[in-house]
Amino acid sequence: MTDVVVTVPKRFGLDTWIAEGDPAGQEWSGEEWHFYLYGALPSIRPGERVYVVYNGALRGYAPLVRIDRFSGGHFGLVRHGDAVAVTIPEYIRGFRGWRYRWWEYEVEAPFPDWQNAEAYWRQYTSEAPASDRDKREIERGVRSIARSFGVEVQSLFQDIEDIG
């Protein structure tokens, strides 16, 4: 399968995107919904998944119904209902356009708080928190990189518990 991943821009907002309709857990309203993009078309077929990312977390997916093409290289990934709230144990930096799914289905976990813009994947997956040794390694690496750029990082690791 060639599922794709898209990002809801922060300036658009998660609440605005959800308000468009038929979010995970709701019955299909009979409406169709587009995720508008431009550029190269992905190689994706109806029934394959369109995953959505917001604020660093995978929020879920909906099956693709079709791709509608518009002028100027714009297109819309069309969905109906049947959205599913899932996440993966990975921070996903926002991006423009689309990407192909890079993880295995087995790592997906239910994401009950997906509508909370501040909810983060680590709360809903089984990934273990970083060990103290991991945190020290991260700190050493960041300090080394900072020194090479002439940056002072005295207070960077005041709260080392947030690292990892």
C-alpha atoms as a PDB file:
ATOM      1  CA  MET A   1       0.000   0.000   0.000  1.00  0.00           C
ATOM      2  CA  THR A   2       1.153   3.540  -0.675  1.00  0.00           C
ATOM      3  CA  ASP A   3      -0.450   5.537   2.107  1.00  0.00           C
ATOM      4  CA  VAL A   4       0.401   9.243   2.348  1.00  0.00           C
ATOM      5  CA  VAL A   5       0.990  11.681   5.210  1.00  0.00           C
ATOM      6  CA  VAL A   6      -0.027  15.365   5.243  1.00  0.00           C
ATOM      7  CA  THR A   7       0.316  18.162   7.813  1.00  0.00           C
ATOM      8  CA  VAL A   8      -2.352  20.580   9.059  1.00  0.00           C
ATOM      9  CA  PRO A   9      -0.552  23.944   9.311  1.00  0.00           C
ATOM     10  CA  LYS A  10      -0.420  25.424  12.817  1.00  0.00           C
ATOM     11  CA  ARG A  11      -1.780  28.734  11.535  1.00  0.00           C
ATOM     12  CA  PHE A  12      -4.851  26.876  10.207  1.00  0.00           C
ATOM     13  CA  GLY A  13      -5.356  25.207  13.559  1.00  0.00           C
ATOM     14  CA  LEU A  14      -6.465  21.772  14.662  1.00  0.00           C
ATOM     15  CA  ASP A  15      -9.882  23.014  15.820  1.00  0.00           C
ATOM     16  CA  THR A  16     -10.588  24.569  12.410  1.00  0.00           C
ATOM     17  CA  TRP A  17      -9.609  21.373  10.631  1.00  0.00           C
ATOM     18  CA  ILE A  18     -11.740  19.233  12.966  1.00  0.00           C
ATOM     19  CA  ALA A  19     -14.717  21.587  12.528  1.00  0.00           C
ATOM     20  CA  GLU A  20     -14.700  20.935   8.782  1.00  0.00           C
ATOM     21  CA  GLY A  21     -16.469  17.689   9.512  1.00  0.00           C
ATOM     22  CA  ASP A  22     -16.581  13.921   9.998  1.00  0.00           C
ATOM     23  CA  PRO A  23     -13.746  13.586  12.549  1.00  0.00           C
ATOM     24  CA  ALA A  24     -12.641  10.250  13.958  1.00  0.00           C
ATOM     25  CA  GLY A  25     -15.366   8.573  15.974  1.00  0.00           C
ATOM     26  CA  GLN A  26     -18.300  10.181  14.160  1.00  0.00           C
ATOM     27  CA  GLU A  27     -20.622   8.698  11.561  1.00  0.00           C
ATOM     28  CA  TRP A  28     -20.235   9.857   7.961  1.00  0.00           C
ATOM     29  CA  SER A  29     -22.390  12.945   7.369  1.00  0.00           C
ATOM     30  CA  GLY A  30     -22.768  12.291   3.654  1.00  0.00           C
ATOM     31  CA  GLU A  31     -20.348  15.139   2.862  1.00  0.00           C
ATOM     32  CA  GLU A  32     -17.019  14.784   1.111  1.00  0.00           C
ATOM     33  CA  TRP A  33     -13.916  16.485   2.474  1.00  0.00           C
ATOM     34  CA  HIS A  34     -10.799  17.626   0.609  1.00  0.00           C
ATOM     35  CA  PHE A  35      -7.268  18.074   1.853  1.00  0.00           C
ATOM     36  CA  TYR A  36      -5.935  20.587  -0.674  1.00  0.00           C
ATOM     37  CA  LEU A  37      -2.372  20.350  -1.955  1.00  0.00           C
ATOM     38  CA  TYR A  38      -0.367  21.314  -5.018  1.00  0.00           C
ATOM     39  CA  GLY A  39       2.541  19.870  -6.945  1.00  0.00           C
ATOM     40  CA  ALA A  40       3.246  16.261  -7.810  1.00  0.00           C
ATOM     41  CA  LEU A  41       0.399  13.803  -7.308  1.00  0.00           C
ATOM     42  CA  PRO A  42       1.078  10.917  -4.946  1.00  0.00           C
ATOM     43  CA  SER A  43       0.726   7.379  -6.232  1.00  0.00           C
ATOM     44  CA  ILE A  44      -2.200   6.445  -4.001  1.00  0.00           C
ATOM     45  CA  ARG A  45      -5.387   4.541  -4.757  1.00  0.00           C
ATOM     46  CA  PRO A  46      -8.882   4.718  -3.271  1.00  0.00           C
ATOM     47  CA  GLY A  47      -9.026   2.852   0.026  1.00  0.00           C
ATOM     48  CA  GLU A  48      -5.431   3.614   0.948  1.00  0.00           C
ATOM     49  CA  ARG A  49      -4.829   5.825   3.960  1.00  0.00           C
ATOM     50  CA  VAL A  50      -4.290   9.580   4.193  1.00  0.00           C
ATOM     51  CA  TYR A  51      -2.608  10.260   7.551  1.00  0.00           C
ATOM     52  CA  VAL A  52      -2.759  13.684   9.203  1.00  0.00           C
ATOM     53  CA  VAL A  53      -0.108  15.309  11.418  1.00  0.00           C
ATOM     54  CA  TYR A  54      -0.556  18.347  13.650  1.00  0.00           C
ATOM     55  CA  ASN A  55       1.858  19.905  16.142  1.00  0.00           C
ATOM     56  CA  GLY A  56       4.401  17.089  15.894  1.00  0.00           C
ATOM     57  CA  ALA A  57       1.945  14.236  16.433  1.00  0.00           C
ATOM     58  CA  LEU A  58       0.252  11.875  14.039  1.00  0.00           C
ATOM     59  CA  ARG A  59      -3.492  12.388  14.677  1.00  0.00           C
ATOM     60  CA  GLY A  60      -4.983   9.603  12.579  1.00  0.00           C
ATOM     61  CA  TYR A  61      -6.057   8.693   9.083  1.00  0.00           C
ATOM     62  CA  ALA A  62      -9.020   8.395   6.758  1.00  0.00           C
ATOM     63  CA  PRO A  63      -9.356   6.195   3.681  1.00  0.00           C
ATOM     64  CA  LEU A  64      -8.879   8.001   0.369  1.00  0.00           C
ATOM     65  CA  VAL A  65     -11.993   8.124  -1.816  1.00  0.00           C
ATOM     66  CA  ARG A  66     -10.361   9.774  -4.840  1.00  0.00           C
ATOM     67  CA  ILE A  67      -8.105  12.612  -5.958  1.00  0.00           C
ATOM     68  CA  ASP A  68      -9.772  15.671  -7.510  1.00  0.00           C
ATOM     69  CA  ARG A  69      -7.538  17.707  -9.828  1.00  0.00           C
ATOM     70  CA  PHE A  70      -7.806  21.480 -10.157  1.00  0.00           C
ATOM     71  CA  SER A  71      -6.035  24.082 -12.270  1.00  0.00           C
ATOM     72  CA  GLY A  72      -2.521  25.281 -11.550  1.00  0.00           C
ATOM     73  CA  GLY A  73      -1.239  21.944 -10.278  1.00  0.00           C
ATOM     74  CA  HIS A  74      -3.604  21.925  -7.293  1.00  0.00           C
ATOM     75  CA  PHE A  75      -5.440  18.806  -6.179  1.00  0.00           C
ATOM     76  CA  GLY A  76      -7.523  17.540  -3.294  1.00  0.00           C
ATOM     77  CA  LEU A  77      -7.298  14.244  -1.451  1.00  0.00           C
ATOM     78  CA  VAL A  78     -10.970  13.366  -0.933  1.00  0.00           C
ATOM     79  CA  ARG A  79     -12.347  11.473   2.039  1.00  0.00           C
ATOM     80  CA  HIS A  80     -15.702  10.570   3.506  1.00  0.00           C
ATOM     81  CA  GLY A  81     -16.151   9.413   7.097  1.00  0.00           C
ATOM     82  CA  ASP A  82     -14.377   6.380   8.597  1.00  0.00           C
ATOM     83  CA  ALA A  83     -11.534   8.430  10.109  1.00  0.00           C
ATOM     84  CA  VAL A  84      -9.495   6.600  12.755  1.00  0.00           C
ATOM     85  CA  ALA A  85      -7.489   8.294  15.545  1.00  0.00           C
ATOM     86  CA  VAL A  86      -4.037   6.706  15.804  1.00  0.00           C
ATOM     87  CA  THR A  87      -0.522   7.896  16.498  1.00  0.00           C
ATOM     88  CA  ILE A  88       3.024   6.548  16.336  1.00  0.00           C
ATOM     89  CA  PRO A  89       5.953   6.820  18.788  1.00  0.00           C
ATOM     90  CA  GLU A  90       7.710   9.503  16.800  1.00  0.00           C
ATOM     91  CA  TYR A  91       7.794  13.293  16.684  1.00  0.00           C
ATOM     92  CA  ILE A  92       6.894  14.394  13.147  1.00  0.00           C
ATOM     93  CA  ARG A  93       8.065  17.838  12.144  1.00  0.00           C
ATOM     94  CA  GLY A  94       5.504  19.665  10.009  1.00  0.00           C
ATOM     95  CA  PHE A  95       6.096  19.818   6.273  1.00  0.00           C
ATOM     96  CA  ARG A  96       4.473  21.129   3.113  1.00  0.00           C
ATOM     97  CA  GLY A  97       2.905  18.798   0.603  1.00  0.00           C
ATOM     98  CA  TRP A  98       2.732  15.083   1.261  1.00  0.00           C
ATOM     99  CA  ARG A  99       5.046  12.169   2.021  1.00  0.00           C
ATOM    100  CA  TYR A 100       4.625   8.442   1.802  1.00  0.00           C
ATOM    101  CA  ARG A 101       4.051   6.575   5.104  1.00  0.00           C
ATOM    102  CA  TRP A 102       7.449   5.455   6.467  1.00  0.00           C
ATOM    103  CA  TRP A 103       6.410   3.328   9.478  1.00  0.00           C
ATOM    104  CA  GLU A 104       4.863  -0.102   9.837  1.00  0.00           C
ATOM    105  CA  TYR A 105       1.189  -0.409  10.809  1.00  0.00           C
ATOM    106  CA  GLU A 106       2.211  -2.420  13.880  1.00  0.00           C
ATOM    107  CA  VAL A 107       3.637   0.672  15.623  1.00  0.00           C
ATOM    108  CA  GLU A 108       0.347   2.568  15.420  1.00  0.00           C
ATOM    109  CA  ALA A 109      -1.487   3.066  18.706  1.00  0.00           C
ATOM    110  CA  PRO A 110      -4.968   4.455  19.479  1.00  0.00           C
ATOM    111  CA  PHE A 111      -4.883   8.204  20.175  1.00  0.00           C
ATOM    112  CA  PRO A 112      -7.886   8.990  22.407  1.00  0.00           C
ATOM    113  CA  ASP A 113      -6.885  12.639  22.964  1.00  0.00           C
ATOM    114  CA  TRP A 114      -6.185  13.389  19.294  1.00  0.00           C
ATOM    115  CA  GLN A 115      -8.392  16.525  19.345  1.00  0.00           C
ATOM    116  CA  ASN A 116      -6.163  18.175  21.970  1.00  0.00           C
ATOM    117  CA  ALA A 117      -3.687  20.284  19.996  1.00  0.00           C
ATOM    118  CA  GLU A 118      -1.105  19.910  22.773  1.00  0.00           C
ATOM    119  CA  ALA A 119      -1.462  16.132  23.164  1.00  0.00           C
ATOM    120  CA  TYR A 120       1.739  14.335  22.343  1.00  0.00           C
ATOM    121  CA  TRP A 121       2.270  10.774  21.108  1.00  0.00           C
ATOM    122  CA  ARG A 122       4.450   9.702  24.049  1.00  0.00           C
ATOM    123  CA  GLN A 123       1.383   9.808  26.319  1.00  0.00           C
ATOM    124  CA  TYR A 124      -0.359   7.122  24.260  1.00  0.00           C
ATOM    125  CA  THR A 125       2.358   4.711  23.187  1.00  0.00           C
ATOM    126  CA  SER A 126       4.419   2.133  24.982  1.00  0.00           C
ATOM    127  CA  GLU A 127       7.777   3.719  24.212  1.00  0.00           C
ATOM    128  CA  ALA A 128       9.854   3.863  27.370  1.00  0.00           C
ATOM    129  CA  PRO A 129      11.114   7.234  28.553  1.00  0.00           C
ATOM    130  CA  ALA A 130      14.785   7.986  28.066  1.00  0.00           C
ATOM    131  CA  SER A 131      17.133   6.641  30.741  1.00  0.00           C
ATOM    132  CA  ASP A 132      19.421   8.922  32.740  1.00  0.00           C
ATOM    133  CA  ARG A 133      22.329   7.670  30.627  1.00  0.00           C
ATOM    134  CA  ASP A 134      20.431   8.567  27.429  1.00  0.00           C
ATOM    135  CA  LYS A 135      19.747  12.040  28.825  1.00  0.00           C
ATOM    136  CA  ARG A 136      23.425  12.571  29.642  1.00  0.00           C
ATOM    137  CA  GLU A 137      24.385  11.470  26.120  1.00  0.00           C
ATOM    138  CA  ILE A 138      21.874  13.896  24.638  1.00  0.00           C
ATOM    139  CA  GLU A 139      23.181  16.713  26.833  1.00  0.00           C
ATOM    140  CA  ARG A 140      26.814  15.986  25.867  1.00  0.00           C
ATOM    141  CA  GLY A 141      25.898  15.941  22.177  1.00  0.00           C
ATOM    142  CA  VAL A 142      23.952  19.191  22.330  1.00  0.00           C
ATOM    143  CA  ARG A 143      26.722  20.916  24.301  1.00  0.00           C
ATOM    144  CA  SER A 144      29.309  19.726  21.751  1.00  0.00           C
ATOM    145  CA  ILE A 145      27.275  21.013  18.820  1.00  0.00           C
ATOM    146  CA  ALA A 146      26.572  24.308  20.597  1.00  0.00           C
ATOM    147  CA  ARG A 147      30.303  24.805  21.313  1.00  0.00           C
ATOM    148  CA  SER A 148      31.154  24.235  17.648  1.00  0.00           C
ATOM    149  CA  PHE A 149      28.790  27.104  16.789  1.00  0.00           C
ATOM    150  CA  GLY A 150      30.017  29.303  19.639  1.00  0.00           C
ATOM    151  CA  VAL A 151      26.675  29.136  21.458  1.00  0.00           C
ATOM    152  CA  GLU A 152      26.439  29.306  25.267  1.00  0.00           C
ATOM    153  CA  VAL A 153      24.159  26.596  26.696  1.00  0.00           C
ATOM    154  CA  GLN A 154      24.505  27.059  30.468  1.00  0.00           C
ATOM    155  CA  SER A 155      20.771  26.991  31.178  1.00  0.00           C
ATOM    156  CA  LEU A 156      19.725  24.694  28.363  1.00  0.00           C
ATOM    157  CA  PHE A 157      19.491  21.620  30.556  1.00  0.00           C
ATOM    158  CA  GLN A 158      18.127  23.130  33.772  1.00  0.00           C
ATOM    159  CA  ASP A 159      15.187  20.767  33.611  1.00  0.00           C
ATOM    160  CA  ILE A 160      16.808  17.616  32.268  1.00  0.00           C
ATOM    161  CA  GLU A 161      13.670  15.561  32.976  1.00  0.00           C
ATOM    162  CA  ASP A 162      12.038  17.087  29.878  1.00  0.00           C
ATOM    163  CA  ILE A 163      14.706  15.674  27.589  1.00  0.00           C
ATOM    164  CA  GLY A 164      14.108  12.471  25.723  1.00  0.00           C
END
